[in-house]
Amino acid sequence: MEKQAGSTASRDKNRVEKSQLEFFKLFLTEVRMQLPDEPLSAKDMSQQMMTMEQTNQTMQTNHNLEKLIELQSSSYLNNALSLIGKEVEIDGNGRFALEKQTGSFSYIIDDNKKFEEITITITDQANKVIQTIKGDAKAGQHNFTWDGKDSKDVAYPDGIYKVLVEATEKIEGAKKEMKKSPLPTRIFDVVVGVNRDPDISLQLSHNNHVPLKNITKIK
């Protein structure tokens, strides 16, 4: 996106420069062709000079914009490159990786929330339930590590698994009801590269690509 904006500014600059050259040609022609008894008035000349000045300002503005975009793009890329080899925390979108019988993710409970219980359900890509576990219902960020086994102690292979963290809260009213709602999860992964096509994104060790803005924490 940064490249497209920079190219647009360059094209605008070229168009303005071409228009400015044509303006000068027309202006000089008008001066040469004016009749001795009907010279170009001071007002007309002033308007023509004002138009020329506005053209110059437009060209300079486009040039400055192009330079600013180049600087922003360079800074953005440098920030992304500095993360290579580092472990980062990102929005998990309900998925996490199991590697060498270890899979980690986290969930956050706001300070103003009070839940009765937290239920963590881990499934495979076919939505088959593997494990259901009770989580911590206290406020704060809770990190959870799964050993890759189900309730019968059967180990599962490395890969990408799904997780659903549900919070149960009591609804006050005439009838006291229990309401379940999902909580967002975050995962940890290592940055192994940077992708620049078309926008800058981070390549993670498990072949995921995420925008730089999605990073919530650097470990």
N, C-alpha and C. Protein backbone atom coordinates (compact mmCIF):
# COMPACT_ATOMS: atom_id res chain seq x y z
N MET A 1 0.82 -1.20 0.00
CA MET A 1 0.00 0.00 0.00
C MET A 1 0.85 1.25 0.00
N GLU A 2 1.99 1.20 0.75
CA GLU A 2 2.87 2.35 0.79
C GLU A 2 3.47 2.62 -0.59
N LYS A 3 3.82 1.51 -1.33
CA LYS A 3 4.41 1.67 -2.66
C LYS A 3 3.41 2.30 -3.61
N GLN A 4 2.15 1.89 -3.53
CA GLN A 4 1.13 2.42 -4.41
C GLN A 4 0.93 3.90 -4.18
N ALA A 5 0.91 4.30 -2.87
CA ALA A 5 0.74 5.71 -2.56
C ALA A 5 1.92 6.52 -3.07
N GLY A 6 3.16 5.98 -2.92
CA GLY A 6 4.33 6.68 -3.40
C GLY A 6 4.32 6.82 -4.91
N SER A 7 3.88 5.77 -5.64
CA SER A 7 3.81 5.83 -7.09
C SER A 7 2.79 6.86 -7.54
N THR A 8 1.68 6.94 -6.81
CA THR A 8 0.65 7.93 -7.15
C THR A 8 1.20 9.34 -7.00
N ALA A 9 1.96 9.58 -5.92
CA ALA A 9 2.54 10.90 -5.72
C ALA A 9 3.52 11.24 -6.83
N SER A 10 4.30 10.24 -7.31
CA SER A 10 5.26 10.47 -8.40
C SER A 10 4.54 10.82 -9.69
N ARG A 11 3.45 10.09 -9.97
CA ARG A 11 2.69 10.38 -11.19
C ARG A 11 2.08 11.78 -11.12
N ASP A 12 1.57 12.14 -9.93
CA ASP A 12 0.99 13.49 -9.78
C ASP A 12 2.05 14.56 -9.99
N LYS A 13 3.26 14.30 -9.49
CA LYS A 13 4.35 15.25 -9.64
C LYS A 13 4.70 15.45 -11.11
N ASN A 14 4.75 14.34 -11.86
CA ASN A 14 5.07 14.44 -13.29
C ASN A 14 3.99 15.20 -14.05
N ARG A 15 2.73 14.94 -13.68
CA ARG A 15 1.64 15.63 -14.36
C ARG A 15 1.68 17.13 -14.07
N VAL A 16 1.98 17.48 -12.81
CA VAL A 16 2.04 18.89 -12.43
C VAL A 16 3.18 19.59 -13.16
N GLU A 17 4.35 18.91 -13.25
CA GLU A 17 5.50 19.50 -13.94
C GLU A 17 5.19 19.72 -15.42
N LYS A 18 4.49 18.78 -16.05
CA LYS A 18 4.11 18.92 -17.45
C LYS A 18 3.13 20.07 -17.63
N SER A 19 2.16 20.17 -16.70
CA SER A 19 1.17 21.25 -16.77
C SER A 19 1.84 22.61 -16.57
N GLN A 20 2.84 22.64 -15.67
CA GLN A 20 3.54 23.90 -15.40
C GLN A 20 4.31 24.36 -16.65
N LEU A 21 4.95 23.42 -17.36
CA LEU A 21 5.69 23.77 -18.58
C LEU A 21 4.74 24.30 -19.65
N GLU A 22 3.60 23.66 -19.80
CA GLU A 22 2.61 24.11 -20.78
C GLU A 22 2.08 25.50 -20.42
N PHE A 23 1.93 25.73 -19.11
CA PHE A 23 1.44 27.03 -18.67
C PHE A 23 2.43 28.14 -19.05
N PHE A 24 3.73 27.87 -18.80
CA PHE A 24 4.75 28.87 -19.14
C PHE A 24 4.74 29.17 -20.65
N LYS A 25 4.60 28.12 -21.46
CA LYS A 25 4.57 28.32 -22.91
C LYS A 25 3.39 29.20 -23.32
N LEU A 26 2.22 28.90 -22.77
CA LEU A 26 1.02 29.69 -23.09
C LEU A 26 1.15 31.13 -22.61
N PHE A 27 1.74 31.28 -21.42
CA PHE A 27 1.89 32.61 -20.85
C PHE A 27 2.82 33.47 -21.72
N LEU A 28 3.96 32.87 -22.13
CA LEU A 28 4.91 33.61 -22.96
C LEU A 28 4.31 33.93 -24.34
N THR A 29 3.56 32.99 -24.88
CA THR A 29 2.90 33.23 -26.16
C THR A 29 1.91 34.37 -26.07
N GLU A 30 1.18 34.41 -24.98
CA GLU A 30 0.19 35.48 -24.79
C GLU A 30 0.87 36.84 -24.67
N VAL A 31 2.02 36.85 -23.98
CA VAL A 31 2.75 38.12 -23.83
C VAL A 31 3.27 38.60 -25.18
N ARG A 32 3.80 37.65 -26.00
CA ARG A 32 4.34 38.03 -27.30
C ARG A 32 3.25 38.49 -28.27
N MET A 33 2.07 37.87 -28.15
CA MET A 33 1.00 38.12 -29.10
C MET A 33 0.09 39.29 -28.71
N GLN A 34 0.29 39.87 -27.53
CA GLN A 34 -0.61 40.94 -27.11
C GLN A 34 -0.44 42.17 -28.02
N LEU A 35 -1.56 42.84 -28.24
CA LEU A 35 -1.56 44.04 -29.08
C LEU A 35 -0.99 45.23 -28.32
N PRO A 36 -0.26 46.13 -29.04
CA PRO A 36 0.33 47.30 -28.35
C PRO A 36 -0.72 48.17 -27.67
N ASP A 37 -1.90 48.32 -28.33
CA ASP A 37 -2.93 49.19 -27.75
C ASP A 37 -3.83 48.44 -26.77
N GLU A 38 -3.63 47.10 -26.63
CA GLU A 38 -4.41 46.33 -25.66
C GLU A 38 -3.47 45.40 -24.88
N PRO A 39 -2.57 45.97 -24.12
CA PRO A 39 -1.61 45.14 -23.36
C PRO A 39 -2.30 44.33 -22.26
N LEU A 40 -1.62 43.29 -21.82
CA LEU A 40 -2.13 42.46 -20.74
C LEU A 40 -2.22 43.30 -19.47
N SER A 41 -3.41 43.32 -18.86
CA SER A 41 -3.62 44.15 -17.68
C SER A 41 -2.86 43.58 -16.49
N ALA A 42 -2.62 44.47 -15.53
CA ALA A 42 -1.93 44.05 -14.30
C ALA A 42 -2.74 43.01 -13.55
N LYS A 43 -4.08 43.15 -13.61
CA LYS A 43 -4.95 42.20 -12.92
C LYS A 43 -4.83 40.82 -13.54
N ASP A 44 -4.86 40.77 -14.90
CA ASP A 44 -4.74 39.49 -15.59
C ASP A 44 -3.39 38.84 -15.33
N MET A 45 -2.34 39.66 -15.36
CA MET A 45 -1.01 39.12 -15.11
C MET A 45 -0.90 38.59 -13.68
N SER A 46 -1.53 39.32 -12.73
CA SER A 46 -1.50 38.89 -11.33
C SER A 46 -2.20 37.55 -11.17
N GLN A 47 -3.34 37.40 -11.86
CA GLN A 47 -4.07 36.14 -11.77
C GLN A 47 -3.27 34.99 -12.37
N GLN A 48 -2.58 35.28 -13.47
CA GLN A 48 -1.76 34.26 -14.11
C GLN A 48 -0.60 33.84 -13.21
N MET A 49 0.03 34.83 -12.55
CA MET A 49 1.14 34.53 -11.64
C MET A 49 0.65 33.76 -10.42
N MET A 50 -0.57 34.08 -9.95
CA MET A 50 -1.14 33.36 -8.81
C MET A 50 -1.40 31.91 -9.17
N THR A 51 -1.90 31.68 -10.38
CA THR A 51 -2.12 30.31 -10.85
C THR A 51 -0.81 29.54 -10.90
N MET A 52 0.25 30.20 -11.37
CA MET A 52 1.55 29.56 -11.44
C MET A 52 2.06 29.20 -10.03
N GLU A 53 1.83 30.11 -9.07
CA GLU A 53 2.28 29.86 -7.70
C GLU A 53 1.52 28.69 -7.08
N GLN A 54 0.21 28.62 -7.33
CA GLN A 54 -0.58 27.50 -6.83
C GLN A 54 -0.10 26.17 -7.42
N THR A 55 0.30 26.21 -8.69
CA THR A 55 0.84 25.01 -9.34
C THR A 55 2.13 24.57 -8.66
N ASN A 56 2.99 25.52 -8.34
CA ASN A 56 4.25 25.21 -7.65
C ASN A 56 3.99 24.60 -6.28
N GLN A 57 3.01 25.16 -5.56
CA GLN A 57 2.69 24.66 -4.23
C GLN A 57 2.15 23.23 -4.29
N THR A 58 1.31 22.96 -5.30
CA THR A 58 0.76 21.62 -5.46
C THR A 58 1.88 20.61 -5.73
N MET A 59 2.82 21.00 -6.58
CA MET A 59 3.94 20.12 -6.90
C MET A 59 4.80 19.84 -5.66
N GLN A 60 5.05 20.87 -4.86
CA GLN A 60 5.87 20.71 -3.67
C GLN A 60 5.15 19.84 -2.62
N THR A 61 3.84 20.02 -2.50
CA THR A 61 3.06 19.22 -1.56
C THR A 61 3.12 17.75 -1.92
N ASN A 62 2.95 17.43 -3.21
CA ASN A 62 3.02 16.04 -3.65
C ASN A 62 4.42 15.46 -3.43
N HIS A 63 5.43 16.27 -3.66
CA HIS A 63 6.81 15.81 -3.44
C HIS A 63 7.05 15.50 -1.97
N ASN A 64 6.57 16.38 -1.08
CA ASN A 64 6.74 16.16 0.36
C ASN A 64 5.97 14.93 0.82
N LEU A 65 4.78 14.73 0.25
CA LEU A 65 3.98 13.56 0.60
C LEU A 65 4.71 12.27 0.22
N GLU A 66 5.32 12.26 -0.95
CA GLU A 66 6.05 11.08 -1.40
C GLU A 66 7.21 10.77 -0.45
N LYS A 67 7.94 11.79 -0.04
CA LYS A 67 9.06 11.59 0.88
C LYS A 67 8.59 11.07 2.22
N LEU A 68 7.45 11.60 2.72
CA LEU A 68 6.91 11.17 4.00
C LEU A 68 6.50 9.70 3.95
N ILE A 69 5.87 9.29 2.86
CA ILE A 69 5.46 7.90 2.70
C ILE A 69 6.68 6.98 2.67
N GLU A 70 7.75 7.41 2.00
CA GLU A 70 8.97 6.60 1.94
C GLU A 70 9.57 6.42 3.33
N LEU A 71 9.57 7.49 4.13
CA LEU A 71 10.11 7.42 5.49
C LEU A 71 9.27 6.51 6.38
N GLN A 72 7.95 6.62 6.26
CA GLN A 72 7.06 5.79 7.07
C GLN A 72 7.22 4.32 6.70
N SER A 73 7.31 4.04 5.41
CA SER A 73 7.46 2.67 4.95
C SER A 73 8.77 2.08 5.45
N SER A 74 9.85 2.87 5.40
CA SER A 74 11.16 2.40 5.86
C SER A 74 11.14 2.12 7.35
N SER A 75 10.53 3.01 8.13
CA SER A 75 10.45 2.82 9.59
C SER A 75 9.62 1.60 9.93
N TYR A 76 8.50 1.42 9.22
CA TYR A 76 7.61 0.28 9.45
C TYR A 76 8.34 -1.03 9.17
N LEU A 77 9.11 -1.05 8.07
CA LEU A 77 9.86 -2.24 7.70
C LEU A 77 10.95 -2.55 8.72
N ASN A 78 11.64 -1.52 9.19
CA ASN A 78 12.70 -1.72 10.19
C ASN A 78 12.14 -2.30 11.48
N ASN A 79 10.95 -1.82 11.89
CA ASN A 79 10.31 -2.36 13.09
C ASN A 79 9.99 -3.83 12.93
N ALA A 80 9.51 -4.19 11.73
CA ALA A 80 9.18 -5.59 11.47
C ALA A 80 10.44 -6.46 11.47
N LEU A 81 11.50 -6.00 10.82
CA LEU A 81 12.74 -6.77 10.73
C LEU A 81 13.37 -6.98 12.11
N SER A 82 13.19 -6.02 13.00
CA SER A 82 13.78 -6.12 14.34
C SER A 82 13.15 -7.23 15.18
N LEU A 83 11.99 -7.74 14.74
CA LEU A 83 11.28 -8.77 15.50
C LEU A 83 11.69 -10.19 15.10
N ILE A 84 12.47 -10.34 14.03
CA ILE A 84 12.87 -11.67 13.58
C ILE A 84 13.67 -12.37 14.69
N GLY A 85 13.26 -13.60 15.00
CA GLY A 85 13.93 -14.38 16.04
C GLY A 85 13.33 -14.18 17.42
N LYS A 86 12.38 -13.26 17.55
CA LYS A 86 11.78 -12.98 18.86
C LYS A 86 10.42 -13.66 18.98
N GLU A 87 10.07 -14.00 20.21
CA GLU A 87 8.75 -14.58 20.48
C GLU A 87 7.77 -13.45 20.74
N VAL A 88 6.63 -13.52 20.09
CA VAL A 88 5.63 -12.46 20.21
C VAL A 88 4.29 -13.05 20.59
N GLU A 89 3.44 -12.18 21.12
CA GLU A 89 2.08 -12.57 21.47
C GLU A 89 1.12 -11.91 20.49
N ILE A 90 0.21 -12.69 19.93
CA ILE A 90 -0.73 -12.17 18.94
C ILE A 90 -2.13 -12.71 19.20
N ASP A 91 -3.10 -12.12 18.53
CA ASP A 91 -4.47 -12.61 18.60
C ASP A 91 -4.52 -14.01 18.01
N GLY A 92 -5.03 -14.97 18.79
CA GLY A 92 -4.99 -16.36 18.36
C GLY A 92 -6.12 -16.79 17.45
N ASN A 93 -7.21 -16.03 17.44
CA ASN A 93 -8.37 -16.38 16.60
C ASN A 93 -8.85 -17.81 16.85
N GLY A 94 -8.72 -18.26 18.10
CA GLY A 94 -9.22 -19.59 18.45
C GLY A 94 -8.37 -20.75 17.98
N ARG A 95 -7.12 -20.48 17.59
CA ARG A 95 -6.22 -21.54 17.13
C ARG A 95 -4.86 -21.40 17.80
N PHE A 96 -4.19 -22.53 17.98
CA PHE A 96 -2.84 -22.52 18.53
C PHE A 96 -2.10 -23.75 18.02
N ALA A 97 -0.79 -23.72 18.15
CA ALA A 97 0.05 -24.81 17.62
C ALA A 97 0.53 -25.71 18.76
N LEU A 98 0.49 -27.00 18.49
CA LEU A 98 1.07 -27.99 19.41
C LEU A 98 2.39 -28.45 18.81
N GLU A 99 3.47 -28.29 19.56
CA GLU A 99 4.79 -28.68 19.08
C GLU A 99 5.55 -29.35 20.20
N LYS A 100 6.02 -30.57 19.95
CA LYS A 100 6.75 -31.36 20.95
C LYS A 100 5.93 -31.50 22.23
N GLN A 101 4.66 -31.84 22.04
CA GLN A 101 3.72 -32.08 23.14
C GLN A 101 3.52 -30.86 24.04
N THR A 102 3.68 -29.67 23.45
CA THR A 102 3.44 -28.44 24.21
C THR A 102 2.71 -27.43 23.33
N GLY A 103 1.58 -26.96 23.82
CA GLY A 103 0.83 -25.93 23.13
C GLY A 103 0.39 -24.86 24.13
N SER A 104 0.64 -23.60 23.81
CA SER A 104 0.36 -22.54 24.76
C SER A 104 -0.56 -21.48 24.16
N PHE A 105 -1.39 -20.92 25.01
CA PHE A 105 -2.24 -19.80 24.64
C PHE A 105 -2.64 -19.08 25.93
N SER A 106 -3.30 -17.95 25.80
CA SER A 106 -3.73 -17.21 26.98
C SER A 106 -5.09 -16.58 26.73
N TYR A 107 -5.74 -16.20 27.80
CA TYR A 107 -7.00 -15.46 27.72
C TYR A 107 -7.00 -14.40 28.81
N ILE A 108 -7.79 -13.36 28.60
CA ILE A 108 -7.80 -12.22 29.52
C ILE A 108 -9.20 -11.98 30.06
N ILE A 109 -9.29 -11.75 31.36
CA ILE A 109 -10.55 -11.40 32.01
C ILE A 109 -10.42 -9.98 32.56
N ASP A 110 -11.29 -9.10 32.12
CA ASP A 110 -11.25 -7.71 32.57
C ASP A 110 -11.52 -7.60 34.07
N ASP A 111 -10.97 -6.54 34.67
CA ASP A 111 -11.13 -6.34 36.11
C ASP A 111 -12.59 -6.15 36.53
N ASN A 112 -13.41 -5.60 35.63
CA ASN A 112 -14.81 -5.33 35.98
C ASN A 112 -15.73 -6.51 35.70
N LYS A 113 -15.16 -7.66 35.33
CA LYS A 113 -15.95 -8.85 35.06
C LYS A 113 -15.84 -9.85 36.20
N LYS A 114 -16.98 -10.49 36.49
CA LYS A 114 -17.00 -11.53 37.52
C LYS A 114 -17.70 -12.75 36.95
N PHE A 115 -16.94 -13.81 36.75
CA PHE A 115 -17.48 -15.03 36.16
C PHE A 115 -17.54 -16.15 37.20
N GLU A 116 -18.52 -17.02 37.01
CA GLU A 116 -18.69 -18.17 37.90
C GLU A 116 -17.63 -19.23 37.59
N GLU A 117 -17.39 -19.44 36.31
CA GLU A 117 -16.39 -20.43 35.92
C GLU A 117 -15.91 -20.18 34.50
N ILE A 118 -14.75 -20.76 34.19
CA ILE A 118 -14.16 -20.70 32.85
C ILE A 118 -13.98 -22.13 32.34
N THR A 119 -14.46 -22.36 31.12
CA THR A 119 -14.34 -23.69 30.52
C THR A 119 -13.47 -23.60 29.26
N ILE A 120 -12.44 -24.43 29.20
CA ILE A 120 -11.53 -24.47 28.04
C ILE A 120 -11.77 -25.76 27.28
N THR A 121 -12.16 -25.63 26.02
CA THR A 121 -12.42 -26.80 25.18
C THR A 121 -11.43 -26.83 24.03
N ILE A 122 -10.69 -27.91 23.92
CA ILE A 122 -9.70 -28.08 22.85
C ILE A 122 -10.23 -29.11 21.85
N THR A 123 -10.21 -28.75 20.58
CA THR A 123 -10.69 -29.65 19.52
C THR A 123 -9.65 -29.74 18.41
N ASP A 124 -9.83 -30.75 17.55
CA ASP A 124 -8.96 -30.86 16.37
C ASP A 124 -9.57 -30.06 15.23
N GLN A 125 -8.96 -30.14 14.04
CA GLN A 125 -9.44 -29.36 12.91
C GLN A 125 -10.82 -29.81 12.44
N ALA A 126 -11.22 -31.02 12.79
CA ALA A 126 -12.54 -31.54 12.43
C ALA A 126 -13.58 -31.26 13.51
N ASN A 127 -13.19 -30.44 14.50
CA ASN A 127 -14.07 -30.05 15.62
C ASN A 127 -14.39 -31.20 16.57
N LYS A 128 -13.57 -32.22 16.57
CA LYS A 128 -13.72 -33.31 17.54
C LYS A 128 -13.13 -32.87 18.88
N VAL A 129 -13.93 -32.96 19.92
CA VAL A 129 -13.48 -32.52 21.25
C VAL A 129 -12.41 -33.47 21.77
N ILE A 130 -11.27 -32.90 22.16
CA ILE A 130 -10.15 -33.69 22.68
C ILE A 130 -10.07 -33.59 24.20
N GLN A 131 -10.24 -32.37 24.68
CA GLN A 131 -10.08 -32.15 26.12
C GLN A 131 -10.94 -30.97 26.56
N THR A 132 -11.60 -31.11 27.72
CA THR A 132 -12.35 -30.01 28.33
C THR A 132 -11.81 -29.80 29.74
N ILE A 133 -11.38 -28.56 30.00
CA ILE A 133 -10.67 -28.26 31.25
C ILE A 133 -11.26 -27.00 31.89
N LYS A 134 -11.23 -26.95 33.20
CA LYS A 134 -11.66 -25.76 33.92
C LYS A 134 -10.49 -24.79 34.02
N GLY A 135 -10.77 -23.51 33.73
CA GLY A 135 -9.74 -22.50 33.80
C GLY A 135 -9.90 -21.58 35.00
N ASP A 136 -8.97 -20.65 35.13
CA ASP A 136 -8.99 -19.68 36.23
C ASP A 136 -9.98 -18.57 35.89
N ALA A 137 -10.89 -18.27 36.82
CA ALA A 137 -11.93 -17.27 36.59
C ALA A 137 -11.60 -15.91 37.19
N LYS A 138 -10.40 -15.75 37.73
CA LYS A 138 -10.02 -14.47 38.33
C LYS A 138 -9.66 -13.46 37.23
N ALA A 139 -9.73 -12.18 37.60
CA ALA A 139 -9.38 -11.12 36.65
C ALA A 139 -7.89 -11.17 36.32
N GLY A 140 -7.55 -10.79 35.08
CA GLY A 140 -6.16 -10.76 34.67
C GLY A 140 -5.91 -11.65 33.45
N GLN A 141 -4.65 -11.73 33.05
CA GLN A 141 -4.28 -12.57 31.92
C GLN A 141 -3.83 -13.93 32.43
N HIS A 142 -4.36 -14.98 31.83
CA HIS A 142 -4.06 -16.34 32.27
C HIS A 142 -3.41 -17.11 31.13
N ASN A 143 -2.21 -17.60 31.37
CA ASN A 143 -1.49 -18.41 30.39
C ASN A 143 -1.79 -19.88 30.63
N PHE A 144 -2.06 -20.59 29.55
CA PHE A 144 -2.42 -22.00 29.66
C PHE A 144 -1.53 -22.83 28.74
N THR A 145 -1.03 -23.94 29.27
CA THR A 145 -0.19 -24.84 28.48
C THR A 145 -0.83 -26.23 28.45
N TRP A 146 -1.02 -26.73 27.22
CA TRP A 146 -1.61 -28.06 27.03
C TRP A 146 -0.51 -29.06 26.70
N ASP A 147 -0.59 -30.24 27.31
CA ASP A 147 0.45 -31.27 27.11
C ASP A 147 0.18 -32.15 25.91
N GLY A 148 -0.85 -31.83 25.12
CA GLY A 148 -1.12 -32.61 23.91
C GLY A 148 -1.84 -33.92 24.17
N LYS A 149 -2.43 -34.09 25.35
CA LYS A 149 -3.12 -35.35 25.68
C LYS A 149 -4.59 -35.10 25.99
N ASP A 150 -5.41 -36.15 25.76
CA ASP A 150 -6.82 -36.04 26.09
C ASP A 150 -7.05 -36.54 27.52
N SER A 151 -8.32 -36.67 27.91
CA SER A 151 -8.66 -37.08 29.28
C SER A 151 -8.24 -38.52 29.58
N LYS A 152 -8.00 -39.31 28.52
CA LYS A 152 -7.58 -40.70 28.71
C LYS A 152 -6.07 -40.85 28.58
N ASP A 153 -5.37 -39.72 28.56
CA ASP A 153 -3.91 -39.69 28.50
C ASP A 153 -3.37 -40.15 27.14
N VAL A 154 -4.21 -40.02 26.10
CA VAL A 154 -3.77 -40.35 24.74
C VAL A 154 -3.12 -39.13 24.12
N ALA A 155 -1.89 -39.29 23.62
CA ALA A 155 -1.15 -38.17 23.05
C ALA A 155 -1.56 -37.90 21.61
N TYR A 156 -1.61 -36.62 21.25
CA TYR A 156 -1.97 -36.22 19.89
C TYR A 156 -0.75 -35.66 19.17
N PRO A 157 -0.73 -35.79 17.85
CA PRO A 157 0.45 -35.33 17.08
C PRO A 157 0.54 -33.81 17.03
N ASP A 158 1.74 -33.33 16.72
CA ASP A 158 1.94 -31.89 16.56
C ASP A 158 1.07 -31.36 15.42
N GLY A 159 0.67 -30.10 15.54
CA GLY A 159 -0.15 -29.49 14.51
C GLY A 159 -0.93 -28.32 15.07
N ILE A 160 -1.89 -27.85 14.29
CA ILE A 160 -2.72 -26.72 14.69
C ILE A 160 -4.03 -27.24 15.27
N TYR A 161 -4.38 -26.75 16.44
CA TYR A 161 -5.61 -27.16 17.13
C TYR A 161 -6.47 -25.93 17.44
N LYS A 162 -7.73 -26.19 17.72
CA LYS A 162 -8.67 -25.12 18.05
C LYS A 162 -8.91 -25.08 19.55
N VAL A 163 -9.19 -23.89 20.05
CA VAL A 163 -9.51 -23.74 21.46
C VAL A 163 -10.66 -22.75 21.62
N LEU A 164 -11.59 -23.10 22.50
CA LEU A 164 -12.71 -22.23 22.83
C LEU A 164 -12.70 -22.01 24.34
N VAL A 165 -12.54 -20.74 24.72
CA VAL A 165 -12.57 -20.39 26.14
C VAL A 165 -13.92 -19.70 26.41
N GLU A 166 -14.74 -20.32 27.24
CA GLU A 166 -16.07 -19.80 27.55
C GLU A 166 -16.15 -19.37 29.00
N ALA A 167 -16.74 -18.19 29.22
CA ALA A 167 -16.94 -17.65 30.56
C ALA A 167 -18.41 -17.74 30.92
N THR A 168 -18.70 -18.28 32.10
CA THR A 168 -20.07 -18.40 32.58
C THR A 168 -20.30 -17.36 33.66
N GLU A 169 -21.32 -16.53 33.46
CA GLU A 169 -21.66 -15.51 34.45
C GLU A 169 -23.12 -15.60 34.85
N LYS A 170 -23.39 -15.14 36.05
CA LYS A 170 -24.75 -15.19 36.57
C LYS A 170 -25.48 -13.90 36.20
N ILE A 171 -26.65 -14.03 35.61
CA ILE A 171 -27.47 -12.89 35.23
C ILE A 171 -28.49 -12.62 36.31
N GLU A 172 -28.38 -11.46 36.95
CA GLU A 172 -29.30 -11.11 38.03
C GLU A 172 -30.64 -10.68 37.45
N GLY A 173 -31.73 -11.07 38.14
CA GLY A 173 -33.06 -10.71 37.69
C GLY A 173 -34.10 -11.54 38.40
N ALA A 174 -35.31 -11.51 37.87
CA ALA A 174 -36.39 -12.30 38.47
C ALA A 174 -36.01 -13.78 38.48
N LYS A 175 -35.41 -14.20 37.35
CA LYS A 175 -34.90 -15.56 37.25
C LYS A 175 -33.38 -15.50 37.12
N LYS A 176 -32.73 -16.11 38.06
CA LYS A 176 -31.27 -16.11 37.99
C LYS A 176 -30.82 -17.12 36.94
N GLU A 177 -30.29 -16.58 35.84
CA GLU A 177 -29.85 -17.43 34.74
C GLU A 177 -28.33 -17.38 34.60
N MET A 178 -27.80 -18.41 33.97
CA MET A 178 -26.37 -18.48 33.70
C MET A 178 -26.14 -18.24 32.22
N LYS A 179 -25.23 -17.35 31.91
CA LYS A 179 -24.94 -17.01 30.53
C LYS A 179 -23.49 -17.36 30.20
N LYS A 180 -23.30 -18.00 29.04
CA LYS A 180 -21.96 -18.34 28.58
C LYS A 180 -21.57 -17.43 27.42
N SER A 181 -20.34 -16.97 27.42
CA SER A 181 -19.84 -16.12 26.34
C SER A 181 -18.38 -16.45 26.08
N PRO A 182 -17.95 -16.45 24.82
CA PRO A 182 -16.55 -16.78 24.49
C PRO A 182 -15.61 -15.62 24.84
N LEU A 183 -14.39 -15.97 25.20
CA LEU A 183 -13.34 -14.98 25.47
C LEU A 183 -12.29 -15.07 24.37
N PRO A 184 -11.72 -13.92 23.96
CA PRO A 184 -10.65 -13.96 22.95
C PRO A 184 -9.39 -14.62 23.51
N THR A 185 -8.67 -15.31 22.65
CA THR A 185 -7.43 -15.97 23.06
C THR A 185 -6.24 -15.34 22.35
N ARG A 186 -5.10 -15.50 22.96
CA ARG A 186 -3.85 -15.04 22.37
C ARG A 186 -2.86 -16.18 22.36
N ILE A 187 -1.97 -16.17 21.38
CA ILE A 187 -0.98 -17.23 21.26
C ILE A 187 0.43 -16.64 21.23
N PHE A 188 1.39 -17.52 21.41
CA PHE A 188 2.80 -17.13 21.37
C PHE A 188 3.47 -17.84 20.20
N ASP A 189 4.27 -17.11 19.47
CA ASP A 189 4.97 -17.71 18.33
C ASP A 189 6.25 -16.91 18.05
N VAL A 190 7.12 -17.51 17.26
CA VAL A 190 8.40 -16.88 16.94
C VAL A 190 8.36 -16.31 15.53
N VAL A 191 8.84 -15.08 15.38
CA VAL A 191 8.89 -14.44 14.07
C VAL A 191 10.11 -14.96 13.32
N VAL A 192 9.88 -15.48 12.11
CA VAL A 192 10.99 -16.05 11.33
C VAL A 192 11.24 -15.28 10.03
N GLY A 193 10.37 -14.34 9.70
CA GLY A 193 10.58 -13.59 8.46
C GLY A 193 9.59 -12.45 8.33
N VAL A 194 9.79 -11.67 7.28
CA VAL A 194 8.92 -10.53 6.99
C VAL A 194 8.44 -10.63 5.55
N ASN A 195 7.16 -10.46 5.36
CA ASN A 195 6.56 -10.52 4.03
C ASN A 195 6.16 -9.11 3.61
N ARG A 196 6.47 -8.73 2.34
CA ARG A 196 6.19 -7.37 1.87
C ARG A 196 5.23 -7.34 0.69
N ASP A 197 4.48 -8.37 0.47
CA ASP A 197 3.61 -8.42 -0.71
C ASP A 197 2.17 -8.72 -0.30
N PRO A 198 1.23 -7.74 -0.41
CA PRO A 198 1.50 -6.35 -0.80
C PRO A 198 1.86 -5.46 0.40
N ASP A 199 1.34 -5.81 1.59
CA ASP A 199 1.64 -5.02 2.78
C ASP A 199 2.64 -5.77 3.67
N ILE A 200 3.24 -5.05 4.59
CA ILE A 200 4.22 -5.66 5.49
C ILE A 200 3.51 -6.51 6.53
N SER A 201 3.91 -7.79 6.61
CA SER A 201 3.36 -8.69 7.62
C SER A 201 4.50 -9.57 8.14
N LEU A 202 4.23 -10.23 9.26
CA LEU A 202 5.24 -11.08 9.89
C LEU A 202 4.95 -12.55 9.58
N GLN A 203 6.00 -13.28 9.24
CA GLN A 203 5.85 -14.72 9.04
C GLN A 203 6.26 -15.41 10.34
N LEU A 204 5.35 -16.21 10.88
CA LEU A 204 5.61 -16.91 12.13
C LEU A 204 6.12 -18.32 11.86
N SER A 205 6.63 -18.96 12.90
CA SER A 205 7.27 -20.26 12.74
C SER A 205 6.30 -21.35 12.30
N HIS A 206 5.00 -21.11 12.49
CA HIS A 206 4.01 -22.11 12.09
C HIS A 206 3.28 -21.69 10.82
N ASN A 207 4.02 -20.97 9.95
CA ASN A 207 3.54 -20.60 8.62
C ASN A 207 2.34 -19.66 8.63
N ASN A 208 2.15 -18.94 9.69
CA ASN A 208 1.09 -17.93 9.73
C ASN A 208 1.68 -16.57 9.37
N HIS A 209 0.89 -15.75 8.69
CA HIS A 209 1.28 -14.39 8.40
C HIS A 209 0.32 -13.45 9.11
N VAL A 210 0.84 -12.52 9.89
CA VAL A 210 -0.01 -11.59 10.62
C VAL A 210 0.52 -10.17 10.42
N PRO A 211 -0.36 -9.17 10.36
CA PRO A 211 0.08 -7.78 10.27
C PRO A 211 0.87 -7.36 11.51
N LEU A 212 1.77 -6.45 11.34
CA LEU A 212 2.60 -5.98 12.45
C LEU A 212 1.74 -5.40 13.57
N LYS A 213 0.62 -4.76 13.20
CA LYS A 213 -0.24 -4.12 14.20
C LYS A 213 -0.94 -5.12 15.11
N ASN A 214 -0.96 -6.42 14.73
CA ASN A 214 -1.63 -7.43 15.53
C ASN A 214 -0.78 -7.94 16.70
N ILE A 215 0.48 -7.49 16.75
CA ILE A 215 1.35 -7.89 17.86
C ILE A 215 0.92 -7.15 19.12
N THR A 216 0.65 -7.93 20.17
CA THR A 216 0.21 -7.33 21.44
C THR A 216 1.33 -7.27 22.48
N LYS A 217 2.33 -8.12 22.30
CA LYS A 217 3.43 -8.14 23.29
C LYS A 217 4.66 -8.80 22.68
N ILE A 218 5.84 -8.33 23.06
CA ILE A 218 7.10 -8.93 22.63
C ILE A 218 7.77 -9.51 23.86
N LYS A 219 8.10 -10.79 23.83
CA LYS A 219 8.68 -11.44 25.02
C LYS A 219 10.20 -11.30 24.99
